[in-house]
Amino acid sequence: MAKKKQRFESSRPDPAEALSKLQTPGFQWKIVAQVLVALLVLWLIAGVAWPWLSWWGVAGAGTVTLAALGFGAYALRLTRRSAAIVDVLKGATDAEGRKEALLKLASKKGAASDAMNALARAQLLAQEDPQQAISVLEGIELEKAPGVVQDDVRANLGMMYLMQNRVKDARPLADKLRLDRQPQPKAKAMYAAVKAESLARTGDAAEAKKLLETFDPDDQAFEEASSLLLRAQCFTFAGTKNRGLARGAMEKLAAKDLTMVVAFARKGSNPELYKMAKGILGKTGLMPRPKMRMKA
């Protein structure tokens, strides 16, 4: 009995749809309430301890309060800036929308030195001109950006380097990525994918495998990063010689985004993954099989 031919129906994510679904960041008032309660308790303790601590207790409570208020004001400004940028990105669902969004972002006050603004512009440019997007990200002064924004830039730039096989450029960025300070599950999964692929392609596949074990590409919480996680799994499992797992990851990737599998079938790719990709693409009809010619 002939073996049933496997079918791959790619459902490549639509960038326009992803942009339209972006959630506008909001201030975490629940956390603010918890901080205020903690400060109230601190002042009560300072009052009760007055006979022993005198003004020292009041000074300590005052210092902590001023620090908390300063951080709160900074976080509020950061959230408002981020929300304004997301509102602009939501309208960039086609070529005309992207052009308009880029103009709006470039015209914002302080755009030249705003890392979040540059990151948003790079994400729009990447859809048509990845090299220009890389140039924008490379021009950001990371040391002057907030910690989480630094990691966003590193992850996005690292991903673009990896897509262009600039692995040696991606690895230093991946080494500095901090997953622990990223609260959003989708963004954290994207960080993990970039970090794991960088590790796997520079000889640390075992470490990459440990990292990826905590991120399931089938988990709905990581939906937008699932293709990147699967791509990282392909390189990681090839590096650890788990060929069956690598093939399984590539087959799942083909069902999500066939163009990523096409990238594996280009010259210069990992030989093992190149063969797998050719086999999978052959089943879709995208990779023509060589025909036998009979000699006369």
Protein backbone atom coordinates (compact mmCIF):
# COMPACT_ATOMS: atom_id res chain seq x y z
CA MET A 1 0.00 0.00 0.00
CA ALA A 2 1.40 3.40 -1.03
CA LYS A 3 2.37 5.73 1.77
CA LYS A 4 0.01 8.65 2.16
CA LYS A 5 1.59 11.92 1.09
CA GLN A 6 1.92 14.45 3.90
CA ARG A 7 0.45 17.88 3.24
CA PHE A 8 1.62 21.16 4.59
CA GLU A 9 -0.83 24.03 4.56
CA SER A 10 1.12 27.11 5.54
CA SER A 11 -0.68 29.71 7.61
CA ARG A 12 1.96 32.43 7.59
CA PRO A 13 1.15 35.19 10.11
CA ASP A 14 -0.11 38.40 8.54
CA PRO A 15 2.02 41.36 9.78
CA ALA A 16 -0.88 43.76 9.16
CA GLU A 17 -3.21 41.67 11.31
CA ALA A 18 -0.59 41.44 14.07
CA LEU A 19 -0.20 45.23 14.08
CA SER A 20 -3.95 45.81 14.26
CA LYS A 21 -4.12 43.53 17.31
CA LEU A 22 -1.40 45.35 19.26
CA GLN A 23 -2.49 46.15 22.79
CA THR A 24 -1.93 49.70 23.97
CA PRO A 25 0.23 49.61 27.13
CA GLY A 26 -1.52 50.76 30.28
CA PHE A 27 -0.24 51.89 33.65
CA GLN A 28 -0.31 49.14 36.29
CA TRP A 29 -2.54 50.82 38.86
CA LYS A 30 -2.84 47.62 40.89
CA ILE A 31 0.92 47.67 41.46
CA VAL A 32 0.73 51.39 42.32
CA ALA A 33 -1.90 50.64 44.98
CA GLN A 34 0.32 47.93 46.48
CA VAL A 35 3.29 50.32 46.60
CA LEU A 36 1.17 53.01 48.29
CA VAL A 37 0.02 50.53 50.94
CA ALA A 38 3.66 49.52 51.53
CA LEU A 39 4.66 53.18 51.93
CA LEU A 40 1.81 53.76 54.37
CA VAL A 41 2.98 50.82 56.47
CA LEU A 42 6.53 52.20 56.34
CA TRP A 43 5.38 55.59 57.68
CA LEU A 44 3.34 53.91 60.42
CA ILE A 45 6.44 51.99 61.50
CA ALA A 46 8.47 55.23 61.47
CA GLY A 47 5.82 56.85 63.69
CA VAL A 48 5.70 53.95 66.15
CA ALA A 49 9.53 53.80 66.29
CA TRP A 50 9.86 57.59 66.92
CA PRO A 51 10.95 57.17 70.56
CA TRP A 52 13.91 55.03 69.44
CA LEU A 53 14.74 56.29 65.91
CA SER A 54 13.66 59.92 66.18
CA TRP A 55 14.24 61.81 62.92
CA TRP A 56 16.31 58.97 61.50
CA GLY A 57 13.20 56.89 61.00
CA VAL A 58 11.35 59.78 59.35
CA ALA A 59 14.34 60.49 57.09
CA GLY A 60 14.52 56.85 56.03
CA ALA A 61 10.80 56.68 55.24
CA GLY A 62 11.02 59.98 53.37
CA THR A 63 13.94 58.80 51.24
CA VAL A 64 12.13 55.61 50.24
CA THR A 65 8.96 57.57 49.45
CA LEU A 66 10.78 60.06 47.23
CA ALA A 67 12.54 57.24 45.39
CA ALA A 68 9.20 55.44 44.83
CA LEU A 69 7.51 58.61 43.58
CA GLY A 70 10.40 59.34 41.23
CA PHE A 71 10.32 55.84 39.78
CA GLY A 72 6.53 56.00 39.45
CA ALA A 73 6.70 59.28 37.50
CA TYR A 74 9.39 57.79 35.23
CA ALA A 75 7.32 54.63 34.61
CA LEU A 76 4.23 56.72 33.82
CA ARG A 77 6.13 58.79 31.24
CA LEU A 78 7.56 55.61 29.69
CA THR A 79 4.11 54.01 29.49
CA ARG A 80 2.59 57.09 27.85
CA ARG A 81 5.38 57.25 25.25
CA SER A 82 4.98 53.55 24.51
CA ALA A 83 1.19 53.88 24.20
CA ALA A 84 1.53 56.78 21.73
CA ILE A 85 3.90 54.70 19.55
CA VAL A 86 1.60 51.66 19.61
CA ASP A 87 -1.34 53.82 18.52
CA VAL A 88 0.70 54.92 15.48
CA LEU A 89 1.73 51.33 14.65
CA LYS A 90 -1.87 50.12 14.68
CA GLY A 91 -2.56 52.12 11.53
CA ALA A 92 0.38 50.65 9.59
CA THR A 93 -1.58 47.76 8.05
CA ASP A 94 -0.53 48.39 4.42
CA ALA A 95 2.22 50.12 2.42
CA GLU A 96 0.50 53.50 2.61
CA GLY A 97 -0.18 53.06 6.33
CA ARG A 98 3.46 52.17 6.98
CA LYS A 99 4.65 55.24 5.08
CA GLU A 100 2.33 57.48 7.09
CA ALA A 101 3.34 55.82 10.37
CA LEU A 102 7.05 56.29 9.60
CA LEU A 103 6.44 60.00 8.96
CA LYS A 104 4.51 60.38 12.22
CA LEU A 105 7.20 58.60 14.21
CA ALA A 106 10.01 60.61 12.62
CA SER A 107 8.20 63.88 13.36
CA LYS A 108 7.73 63.18 17.08
CA LYS A 109 9.66 65.33 19.53
CA GLY A 110 13.00 63.76 20.42
CA ALA A 111 12.62 61.01 17.79
CA ALA A 112 16.34 61.08 16.93
CA SER A 113 17.34 60.00 20.46
CA ASP A 114 14.28 57.92 21.39
CA ALA A 115 15.14 54.21 21.38
CA MET A 116 11.47 53.13 21.46
CA ASN A 117 10.70 55.33 18.48
CA ALA A 118 13.67 53.94 16.53
CA LEU A 119 12.64 50.38 17.38
CA ALA A 120 9.11 51.01 16.06
CA ARG A 121 10.48 52.52 12.83
CA ALA A 122 12.81 49.55 12.37
CA GLN A 123 9.93 47.09 12.77
CA LEU A 124 8.01 48.89 10.01
CA LEU A 125 11.03 49.14 7.72
CA ALA A 126 11.89 45.45 8.18
CA GLN A 127 8.83 44.41 6.14
CA GLU A 128 10.27 45.97 2.98
CA ASP A 129 13.92 46.86 3.64
CA PRO A 130 15.56 44.69 6.34
CA GLN A 131 18.97 46.27 5.78
CA GLN A 132 17.62 49.76 6.45
CA ALA A 133 15.89 48.43 9.57
CA ILE A 134 19.21 47.02 10.76
CA SER A 135 20.90 50.38 10.18
CA VAL A 136 18.26 52.12 12.32
CA LEU A 137 18.71 49.64 15.18
CA GLU A 138 22.50 49.80 14.96
CA GLY A 139 22.29 53.58 15.39
CA ILE A 140 20.55 53.37 18.79
CA GLU A 141 22.64 54.32 21.84
CA LEU A 142 21.60 51.37 24.01
CA GLU A 143 23.25 52.64 27.19
CA LYS A 144 20.87 55.61 27.28
CA ALA A 145 17.71 53.47 26.84
CA PRO A 146 15.64 51.83 29.64
CA GLY A 147 16.64 48.26 30.44
CA VAL A 148 13.61 46.55 28.85
CA VAL A 149 13.93 48.69 25.72
CA GLN A 150 17.60 47.71 25.48
CA ASP A 151 16.56 44.07 25.43
CA ASP A 152 13.85 44.74 22.83
CA VAL A 153 16.45 46.32 20.56
CA ARG A 154 18.94 43.49 21.13
CA ALA A 155 16.31 40.83 20.42
CA ASN A 156 15.03 42.49 17.23
CA LEU A 157 18.50 43.30 15.89
CA GLY A 158 19.73 39.82 16.83
CA MET A 159 16.80 38.24 15.00
CA MET A 160 17.54 40.29 11.86
CA TYR A 161 21.21 39.30 12.01
CA LEU A 162 20.25 35.63 12.30
CA MET A 163 17.88 35.89 9.33
CA GLN A 164 20.83 37.21 7.29
CA ASN A 165 23.17 34.50 8.65
CA ARG A 166 25.23 37.10 10.56
CA VAL A 167 25.51 34.71 13.49
CA LYS A 168 28.74 36.17 14.90
CA ASP A 169 27.05 39.57 15.13
CA ALA A 170 23.96 38.10 16.79
CA ARG A 171 25.74 36.16 19.54
CA PRO A 172 27.04 39.16 21.60
CA LEU A 173 23.53 40.66 21.59
CA ALA A 174 22.00 37.35 22.65
CA ASP A 175 24.47 36.98 25.52
CA LYS A 176 23.27 40.28 27.00
CA LEU A 177 19.55 39.51 26.70
CA ARG A 178 17.77 39.46 30.08
CA LEU A 179 14.61 37.34 29.98
CA ASP A 180 13.96 37.96 33.67
CA ARG A 181 13.12 41.65 33.19
CA GLN A 182 10.61 41.10 30.36
CA PRO A 183 7.08 40.69 31.82
CA GLN A 184 5.27 39.98 28.52
CA PRO A 185 5.14 36.21 27.68
CA LYS A 186 5.23 36.74 23.88
CA ALA A 187 8.21 39.07 24.05
CA LYS A 188 10.00 36.75 26.49
CA ALA A 189 9.47 33.82 24.09
CA MET A 190 10.91 35.90 21.25
CA TYR A 191 13.95 36.71 23.40
CA ALA A 192 14.37 32.99 24.13
CA ALA A 193 14.15 32.07 20.44
CA VAL A 194 16.83 34.60 19.46
CA LYS A 195 19.07 33.60 22.35
CA ALA A 196 18.66 29.85 21.73
CA GLU A 197 19.30 30.08 17.98
CA SER A 198 22.39 32.21 18.58
CA LEU A 199 23.68 29.69 21.11
CA ALA A 200 22.93 26.68 18.91
CA ARG A 201 24.61 28.16 15.84
CA THR A 202 27.77 29.09 17.74
CA GLY A 203 28.44 25.71 19.35
CA ASP A 204 26.28 25.81 22.51
CA ALA A 205 23.35 23.69 21.37
CA ALA A 206 23.04 21.88 24.71
CA GLU A 207 22.55 25.19 26.53
CA ALA A 208 20.06 26.30 23.87
CA LYS A 209 18.07 23.09 24.37
CA LYS A 210 17.76 23.74 28.13
CA LEU A 211 16.44 27.23 27.43
CA LEU A 212 13.87 26.08 24.85
CA GLU A 213 12.51 23.38 27.16
CA THR A 214 10.71 26.14 29.10
CA PHE A 215 8.93 27.52 26.00
CA ASP A 216 6.33 25.41 24.18
CA PRO A 217 5.65 26.70 20.62
CA ASP A 218 2.11 25.25 20.87
CA ASP A 219 1.30 27.39 23.92
CA GLN A 220 -1.20 30.11 22.97
CA ALA A 221 0.65 32.54 25.25
CA PHE A 222 3.59 32.38 22.83
CA GLU A 223 1.53 32.34 19.62
CA GLU A 224 3.21 35.29 17.89
CA ALA A 225 6.68 33.91 18.65
CA SER A 226 5.91 30.26 17.85
CA SER A 227 7.54 30.34 14.38
CA LEU A 228 10.75 31.78 15.84
CA LEU A 229 10.73 29.17 18.61
CA LEU A 230 10.34 26.37 16.05
CA ARG A 231 13.12 27.81 13.89
CA ALA A 232 15.36 27.90 16.98
CA GLN A 233 14.39 24.29 17.74
CA CYS A 234 15.50 23.24 14.24
CA PHE A 235 19.01 24.63 14.76
CA THR A 236 19.15 23.42 18.37
CA PHE A 237 18.07 19.82 17.70
CA ALA A 238 20.39 19.63 14.69
CA GLY A 239 23.21 20.75 16.99
CA THR A 240 22.38 18.13 19.64
CA LYS A 241 22.01 15.42 16.93
CA ASN A 242 18.30 14.90 17.69
CA ARG A 243 17.40 14.57 14.01
CA GLY A 244 13.88 13.30 14.63
CA LEU A 245 13.08 16.27 16.85
CA ALA A 246 14.64 18.65 14.31
CA ARG A 247 12.49 17.24 11.52
CA GLY A 248 9.37 17.40 13.69
CA ALA A 249 10.08 21.07 14.48
CA MET A 250 10.60 21.85 10.80
CA GLU A 251 7.36 20.14 9.80
CA LYS A 252 5.48 22.24 12.38
CA LEU A 253 7.27 25.32 11.07
CA ALA A 254 6.19 24.47 7.51
CA ALA A 255 2.57 24.47 8.65
CA LYS A 256 2.97 27.92 10.21
CA ASP A 257 5.33 29.76 7.88
CA LEU A 258 6.63 27.92 4.82
CA THR A 259 8.93 30.80 3.86
CA MET A 260 11.06 30.09 6.93
CA VAL A 261 11.57 26.53 5.68
CA VAL A 262 12.56 27.89 2.26
CA ALA A 263 15.39 29.76 4.02
CA PHE A 264 16.83 26.42 5.21
CA ALA A 265 16.93 25.16 1.60
CA ARG A 266 19.37 27.84 0.44
CA LYS A 267 23.05 27.26 -0.22
CA GLY A 268 25.24 27.75 2.83
CA SER A 269 22.63 26.42 5.26
CA ASN A 270 23.28 23.71 7.83
CA PRO A 271 23.72 20.53 5.67
CA GLU A 272 21.37 18.42 7.79
CA LEU A 273 18.65 21.08 7.87
CA TYR A 274 19.18 21.75 4.16
CA LYS A 275 18.32 18.13 3.35
CA MET A 276 15.27 18.18 5.63
CA ALA A 277 14.01 21.41 4.10
CA LYS A 278 14.41 20.10 0.56
CA GLY A 279 12.43 16.99 1.46
CA ILE A 280 9.60 18.98 3.07
CA LEU A 281 9.45 21.52 0.25
CA GLY A 282 9.47 18.69 -2.29
CA LYS A 283 6.21 17.45 -0.81
CA THR A 284 4.63 20.86 -1.29
CA GLY A 285 5.72 21.13 -4.91
CA LEU A 286 7.82 24.22 -4.19
CA MET A 287 11.10 22.34 -4.57
CA PRO A 288 11.12 20.54 -7.95
CA ARG A 289 12.61 17.06 -7.81
CA PRO A 290 15.35 16.28 -10.34
CA LYS A 291 14.12 14.11 -13.21
CA MET A 292 15.91 10.98 -14.39
CA ARG A 293 17.16 11.19 -17.95
CA MET A 294 17.65 8.05 -19.99
CA LYS A 295 20.78 7.92 -22.09
CA ALA A 296 20.25 7.08 -25.74
